[in-house]
C-alpha atoms as a PDB file:
ATOM      1  CA  MET A   1      13.721 -22.608   7.697  1.00  0.00           C
ATOM      2  CA  ASN A   2      12.367 -19.679  10.438  1.00  0.00           C
ATOM      3  CA  GLU A   3       8.627 -18.910   9.992  1.00  0.00           C
ATOM      4  CA  PHE A   4       8.255 -15.534   8.204  1.00  0.00           C
ATOM      5  CA  THR A   5       5.773 -14.079  10.757  1.00  0.00           C
ATOM      6  CA  SER A   6       3.343 -10.935   9.756  1.00  0.00           C
ATOM      7  CA  TRP A   7       5.826  -9.237  12.489  1.00  0.00           C
ATOM      8  CA  HIS A   8       8.518 -10.179  10.527  1.00  0.00           C
ATOM      9  CA  VAL A   9       6.460  -9.070   7.094  1.00  0.00           C
ATOM     10  CA  GLY A  10       5.889  -5.496   8.585  1.00  0.00           C
ATOM     11  CA  VAL A  11       9.570  -5.139   9.762  1.00  0.00           C
ATOM     12  CA  ALA A  12      11.151  -6.161   6.337  1.00  0.00           C
ATOM     13  CA  ALA A  13       8.443  -3.822   4.451  1.00  0.00           C
ATOM     14  CA  GLU A  14       9.288  -0.773   6.474  1.00  0.00           C
ATOM     15  CA  ALA A  15      13.195  -1.873   5.664  1.00  0.00           C
ATOM     16  CA  TYR A  16      13.140  -2.464   2.009  1.00  0.00           C
ATOM     17  CA  THR A  17      10.994   0.401   1.751  1.00  0.00           C
ATOM     18  CA  ALA A  18      14.034   2.570   3.316  1.00  0.00           C
ATOM     19  CA  ALA A  19      16.444   1.129   1.298  1.00  0.00           C
ATOM     20  CA  ILE A  20      15.003   1.608  -1.830  1.00  0.00           C
ATOM     21  CA  LEU A  21      14.219   5.107  -1.153  1.00  0.00           C
ATOM     22  CA  ALA A  22      17.699   5.424   0.047  1.00  0.00           C
ATOM     23  CA  ARG A  23      19.341   3.884  -3.330  1.00  0.00           C
ATOM     24  CA  TYR A  24      16.966   6.107  -5.251  1.00  0.00           C
ATOM     25  CA  GLY A  25      19.006   9.080  -3.480  1.00  0.00           C
ATOM     26  CA  TYR A  26      16.551  10.409  -0.953  1.00  0.00           C
ATOM     27  CA  ASP A  27      17.042  11.034   2.648  1.00  0.00           C
ATOM     28  CA  VAL A  28      14.600   9.004   5.115  1.00  0.00           C
ATOM     29  CA  SER A  29      13.781   8.909   8.655  1.00  0.00           C
ATOM     30  CA  VAL A  30      11.968   5.989   9.893  1.00  0.00           C
ATOM     31  CA  GLN A  31       9.686   6.139  13.035  1.00  0.00           C
ATOM     32  CA  TYR A  32      10.218   2.928  15.774  1.00  0.00           C
ATOM     33  CA  GLY A  33       7.617   2.618  18.426  1.00  0.00           C
ATOM     34  CA  ALA A  34       3.999   1.779  19.392  1.00  0.00           C
ATOM     35  CA  ASN A  35       1.685   4.201  18.466  1.00  0.00           C
ATOM     36  CA  GLN A  36       2.998   5.793  15.137  1.00  0.00           C
ATOM     37  CA  PRO A  37       1.205   8.086  14.070  1.00  0.00           C
ATOM     38  CA  GLU A  38      -0.216   8.063  10.509  1.00  0.00           C
ATOM     39  CA  TYR A  39       3.316   7.204   8.305  1.00  0.00           C
ATOM     40  CA  ASP A  40       6.143   5.047   9.442  1.00  0.00           C
ATOM     41  CA  LEU A  41       8.752   6.745   7.683  1.00  0.00           C
ATOM     42  CA  ILE A  42       9.550   9.848   6.056  1.00  0.00           C
ATOM     43  CA  ALA A  43      11.286  10.643   2.732  1.00  0.00           C
ATOM     44  CA  VAL A  44      13.076  13.761   2.146  1.00  0.00           C
ATOM     45  CA  SER A  45      14.076  15.457  -1.652  1.00  0.00           C
ATOM     46  CA  GLY A  46      15.572  18.852  -1.341  1.00  0.00           C
ATOM     47  CA  ASP A  47      12.361  21.079   0.593  1.00  0.00           C
ATOM     48  CA  LYS A  48      10.080  18.404  -0.034  1.00  0.00           C
ATOM     49  CA  ILE A  49       8.678  15.573   2.584  1.00  0.00           C
ATOM     50  CA  LEU A  50       6.568  12.395   1.912  1.00  0.00           C
ATOM     51  CA  LYS A  51       4.894  10.516   4.999  1.00  0.00           C
ATOM     52  CA  ILE A  52       4.867   7.311   3.979  1.00  0.00           C
ATOM     53  CA  SER A  53       2.540   4.187   5.674  1.00  0.00           C
ATOM     54  CA  VAL A  54       4.137   0.997   5.031  1.00  0.00           C
ATOM     55  CA  LYS A  55       1.479  -1.554   4.605  1.00  0.00           C
ATOM     56  CA  GLY A  56       3.675  -5.540   3.935  1.00  0.00           C
ATOM     57  CA  SER A  57       1.754  -8.561   2.542  1.00  0.00           C
ATOM     58  CA  LYS A  58       2.955 -12.323   1.621  1.00  0.00           C
ATOM     59  CA  ASP A  59      -0.227 -13.314   0.488  1.00  0.00           C
ATOM     60  CA  LYS A  60      -1.081 -10.827  -2.840  1.00  0.00           C
ATOM     61  CA  SER A  61      -3.066  -8.748  -1.005  1.00  0.00           C
ATOM     62  CA  TRP A  62      -3.657  -6.323   1.683  1.00  0.00           C
ATOM     63  CA  GLY A  63      -6.549  -5.760   4.091  1.00  0.00           C
ATOM     64  CA  LEU A  64      -7.241  -2.320   4.129  1.00  0.00           C
ATOM     65  CA  THR A  65     -10.433  -1.559   5.218  1.00  0.00           C
ATOM     66  CA  GLN A  66     -12.151  -4.168   7.519  1.00  0.00           C
ATOM     67  CA  GLY A  67     -12.209  -2.036  10.304  1.00  0.00           C
ATOM     68  CA  TYR A  68     -14.626  -0.051   8.572  1.00  0.00           C
ATOM     69  CA  LYS A  69     -17.263  -2.479   7.347  1.00  0.00           C
ATOM     70  CA  LYS A  70     -19.559  -2.874  10.385  1.00  0.00           C
ATOM     71  CA  GLY A  71     -23.082  -1.604   9.622  1.00  0.00           C
ATOM     72  CA  CYS A  72     -22.144  -0.341   5.900  1.00  0.00           C
ATOM     73  CA  THR A  73     -21.398  -0.981   2.360  1.00  0.00           C
ATOM     74  CA  TYR A  74     -18.116  -1.756   0.590  1.00  0.00           C
ATOM     75  CA  HIS A  75     -18.064   1.724  -0.340  1.00  0.00           C
ATOM     76  CA  GLU A  76     -18.899   3.358   2.763  1.00  0.00           C
ATOM     77  CA  ALA A  77     -16.174   1.577   4.277  1.00  0.00           C
ATOM     78  CA  VAL A  78     -13.948   2.612   1.939  1.00  0.00           C
ATOM     79  CA  ASP A  79     -14.860   6.255   2.627  1.00  0.00           C
ATOM     80  CA  ARG A  80     -14.655   5.722   5.783  1.00  0.00           C
ATOM     81  CA  TRP A  81     -10.782   4.639   5.888  1.00  0.00           C
ATOM     82  CA  LEU A  82     -10.232   7.836   2.855  1.00  0.00           C
ATOM     83  CA  ASP A  83     -11.476   9.982   6.097  1.00  0.00           C
ATOM     84  CA  ALA A  84      -9.196   8.871   8.650  1.00  0.00           C
ATOM     85  CA  HIS A  85      -6.285   9.062   6.465  1.00  0.00           C
ATOM     86  CA  HIS A  86      -4.109  12.534   5.052  1.00  0.00           C
ATOM     87  CA  GLU A  87      -4.711  12.995   1.630  1.00  0.00           C
ATOM     88  CA  LYS A  88      -1.031  13.946   1.309  1.00  0.00           C
ATOM     89  CA  THR A  89       0.278  10.350   3.240  1.00  0.00           C
ATOM     90  CA  ILE A  90       1.502   7.886   0.862  1.00  0.00           C
ATOM     91  CA  PHE A  91       0.991   4.368   1.218  1.00  0.00           C
ATOM     92  CA  SER A  92       4.096   1.504   0.174  1.00  0.00           C
ATOM     93  CA  LEU A  93       2.476  -1.885  -0.594  1.00  0.00           C
ATOM     94  CA  VAL A  94       4.917  -4.068  -0.267  1.00  0.00           C
ATOM     95  CA  GLN A  95       4.609  -7.768  -2.097  1.00  0.00           C
ATOM     96  CA  PHE A  96       6.678 -10.517  -0.712  1.00  0.00           C
ATOM     97  CA  TYR A  97       4.239 -13.525  -2.273  1.00  0.00           C
ATOM     98  CA  GLY A  98       6.221 -15.683  -4.492  1.00  0.00           C
ATOM     99  CA  ILE A  99       9.758 -13.813  -3.564  1.00  0.00           C
ATOM    100  CA  ALA A 100      12.675 -15.783  -2.915  1.00  0.00           C
ATOM    101  CA  GLN A 101      14.422 -14.821   0.726  1.00  0.00           C
ATOM    102  CA  ASN A 102      17.544 -12.932  -1.173  1.00  0.00           C
ATOM    103  CA  GLU A 103      14.864 -11.366  -3.832  1.00  0.00           C
ATOM    104  CA  MET A 104      13.948  -7.848  -3.733  1.00  0.00           C
ATOM    105  CA  PRO A 105       9.908  -7.868  -2.644  1.00  0.00           C
ATOM    106  CA  ARG A 106       7.769  -5.782  -5.170  1.00  0.00           C
ATOM    107  CA  ILE A 107       7.180  -1.946  -4.304  1.00  0.00           C
ATOM    108  CA  TYR A 108       4.029  -0.207  -5.552  1.00  0.00           C
ATOM    109  CA  LEU A 109       3.081   3.361  -3.955  1.00  0.00           C
ATOM    110  CA  ALA A 110      -0.129   4.826  -3.723  1.00  0.00           C
ATOM    111  CA  THR A 111      -2.406   7.612  -2.557  1.00  0.00           C
ATOM    112  CA  PRO A 112      -5.017   7.118  -0.484  1.00  0.00           C
ATOM    113  CA  LYS A 113      -7.315   8.126  -2.639  1.00  0.00           C
ATOM    114  CA  GLU A 114      -5.935   6.378  -5.622  1.00  0.00           C
ATOM    115  CA  ILE A 115      -6.628   2.933  -3.441  1.00  0.00           C
ATOM    116  CA  ALA A 116      -9.834   3.872  -2.249  1.00  0.00           C
ATOM    117  CA  ASP A 117     -10.802   4.655  -6.035  1.00  0.00           C
ATOM    118  CA  ARG A 118      -8.995   0.870  -6.680  1.00  0.00           C
ATOM    119  CA  LEU A 119     -11.072  -0.656  -3.832  1.00  0.00           C
ATOM    120  CA  LYS A 120     -14.474   0.782  -4.915  1.00  0.00           C
ATOM    121  CA  LYS A 121     -14.275  -0.725  -8.350  1.00  0.00           C
ATOM    122  CA  SER A 122     -12.843  -4.081  -6.972  1.00  0.00           C
ATOM    123  CA  ALA A 123     -15.423  -6.940  -7.448  1.00  0.00           C
ATOM    124  CA  GLY A 124     -17.373  -5.607 -10.334  1.00  0.00           C
ATOM    125  CA  GLY A 125     -17.917  -2.516  -8.578  1.00  0.00           C
ATOM    126  CA  ARG A 126     -19.570  -3.787  -5.826  1.00  0.00           C
ATOM    127  CA  GLY A 127     -16.373  -2.746  -3.584  1.00  0.00           C
ATOM    128  CA  GLU A 128     -14.108  -4.330  -1.561  1.00  0.00           C
ATOM    129  CA  THR A 129     -12.270  -4.420   1.716  1.00  0.00           C
ATOM    130  CA  ILE A 130      -9.211  -6.016   0.897  1.00  0.00           C
ATOM    131  CA  LEU A 131      -6.889  -4.351  -1.751  1.00  0.00           C
ATOM    132  CA  TYR A 132      -5.496  -7.344  -4.665  1.00  0.00           C
ATOM    133  CA  GLU A 133      -2.366  -7.438  -6.198  1.00  0.00           C
ATOM    134  CA  ASN A 134      -3.935  -9.816  -9.354  1.00  0.00           C
ATOM    135  CA  HIS A 135      -7.325 -11.455  -8.182  1.00  0.00           C
ATOM    136  CA  THR A 136      -9.794 -13.093 -10.873  1.00  0.00           C
ATOM    137  CA  TRP A 137     -13.067 -13.419  -9.393  1.00  0.00           C
ATOM    138  CA  GLY A 138     -14.264 -17.363  -9.690  1.00  0.00           C
ATOM    139  CA  PRO A 139     -18.052 -18.283 -10.883  1.00  0.00           C
ATOM    140  CA  ARG A 140     -19.806 -17.165  -7.419  1.00  0.00           C
ATOM    141  CA  ALA A 141     -18.442 -14.246  -6.266  1.00  0.00           C
ATOM    142  CA  ALA A 142     -20.172 -11.007  -7.232  1.00  0.00           C
ATOM    143  CA  GLY A 143     -17.169  -9.863  -9.312  1.00  0.00           C
ATOM    144  CA  ARG A 144     -17.218 -13.466 -11.300  1.00  0.00           C
ATOM    145  CA  GLY A 145     -15.070 -13.045 -14.094  1.00  0.00           C
ATOM    146  CA  THR A 146     -12.989  -9.658 -13.343  1.00  0.00           C
ATOM    147  CA  THR A 147      -9.902  -9.094 -12.439  1.00  0.00           C
ATOM    148  CA  ASP A 148      -8.513  -6.817  -9.579  1.00  0.00           C
ATOM    149  CA  SER A 149      -5.010  -5.661 -10.287  1.00  0.00           C
ATOM    150  CA  ILE A 150      -2.711  -2.925  -9.211  1.00  0.00           C
ATOM    151  CA  PRO A 151      -1.934  -0.394 -11.668  1.00  0.00           C
ATOM    152  CA  LYS A 152       1.655  -0.830 -13.266  1.00  0.00           C
ATOM    153  CA  GLU A 153       2.251   2.499 -12.248  1.00  0.00           C
ATOM    154  CA  TRP A 154       2.187   2.561  -8.909  1.00  0.00           C
ATOM    155  CA  LEU A 155       5.181   0.472  -8.752  1.00  0.00           C
ATOM    156  CA  ILE A 156       7.912   1.953  -7.382  1.00  0.00           C
ATOM    157  CA  SER A 157      10.043   3.902 -10.081  1.00  0.00           C
ATOM    158  CA  GLU A 158      12.147   7.064 -10.726  1.00  0.00           C
ATOM    159  CA  GLU A 159       9.075   8.536 -12.273  1.00  0.00           C
ATOM    160  CA  ARG A 160       6.353   7.500 -10.240  1.00  0.00           C
ATOM    161  CA  LEU A 161       8.743   9.268  -7.071  1.00  0.00           C
ATOM    162  CA  ASN A 162       9.516  12.232  -9.025  1.00  0.00           C
ATOM    163  CA  PHE A 163       5.512  12.194  -9.751  1.00  0.00           C
ATOM    164  CA  LEU A 164       4.882  12.003  -5.725  1.00  0.00           C
ATOM    165  CA  PHE A 165       7.415  14.390  -4.812  1.00  0.00           C
ATOM    166  CA  LYS A 166       5.929  16.753  -6.939  1.00  0.00           C
ATOM    167  CA  THR A 167       2.385  16.601  -6.296  1.00  0.00           C
ATOM    168  CA  TYR A 168       2.296  15.519  -2.799  1.00  0.00           C
ATOM    169  CA  GLY A 169       5.551  16.770  -0.962  1.00  0.00           C
ATOM    170  CA  GLN A 170       4.931  19.193   1.722  1.00  0.00           C
END
């Protein structure tokens, strides 16, 4: 079996996101090439467009704000990350952990604000640079005994997509 590298994760995450959006009946346009702007693909419904940034993972987490952490608190790093993203960009968080090659990955859709709020609540409120799909903090951690998890309502569904298009579609 070939290794499923981070490059493969990124390509597959975009492909699965595009495929499921198409399956829900949206028109999808994928950007290819280096130095893409804020988003990786767009989904269109009537006259509404969602710009979508795709993040793939194979380890139950997405590292999002590490590059903003130097010299500041976790909450400040999250605020810097949030400031760097357009409020109407939607993140597709694609998780391959525990998924067989012939199975669909779990796909979550969230706004930058929703992600920022979740990151700030992480580790018992200390904050974190990593968004965890489901993680319980051990006895020596700042958030000991607490569990961070992706809200169930972020899971891709017709209802979630309708909400996002209605609220954030441009």
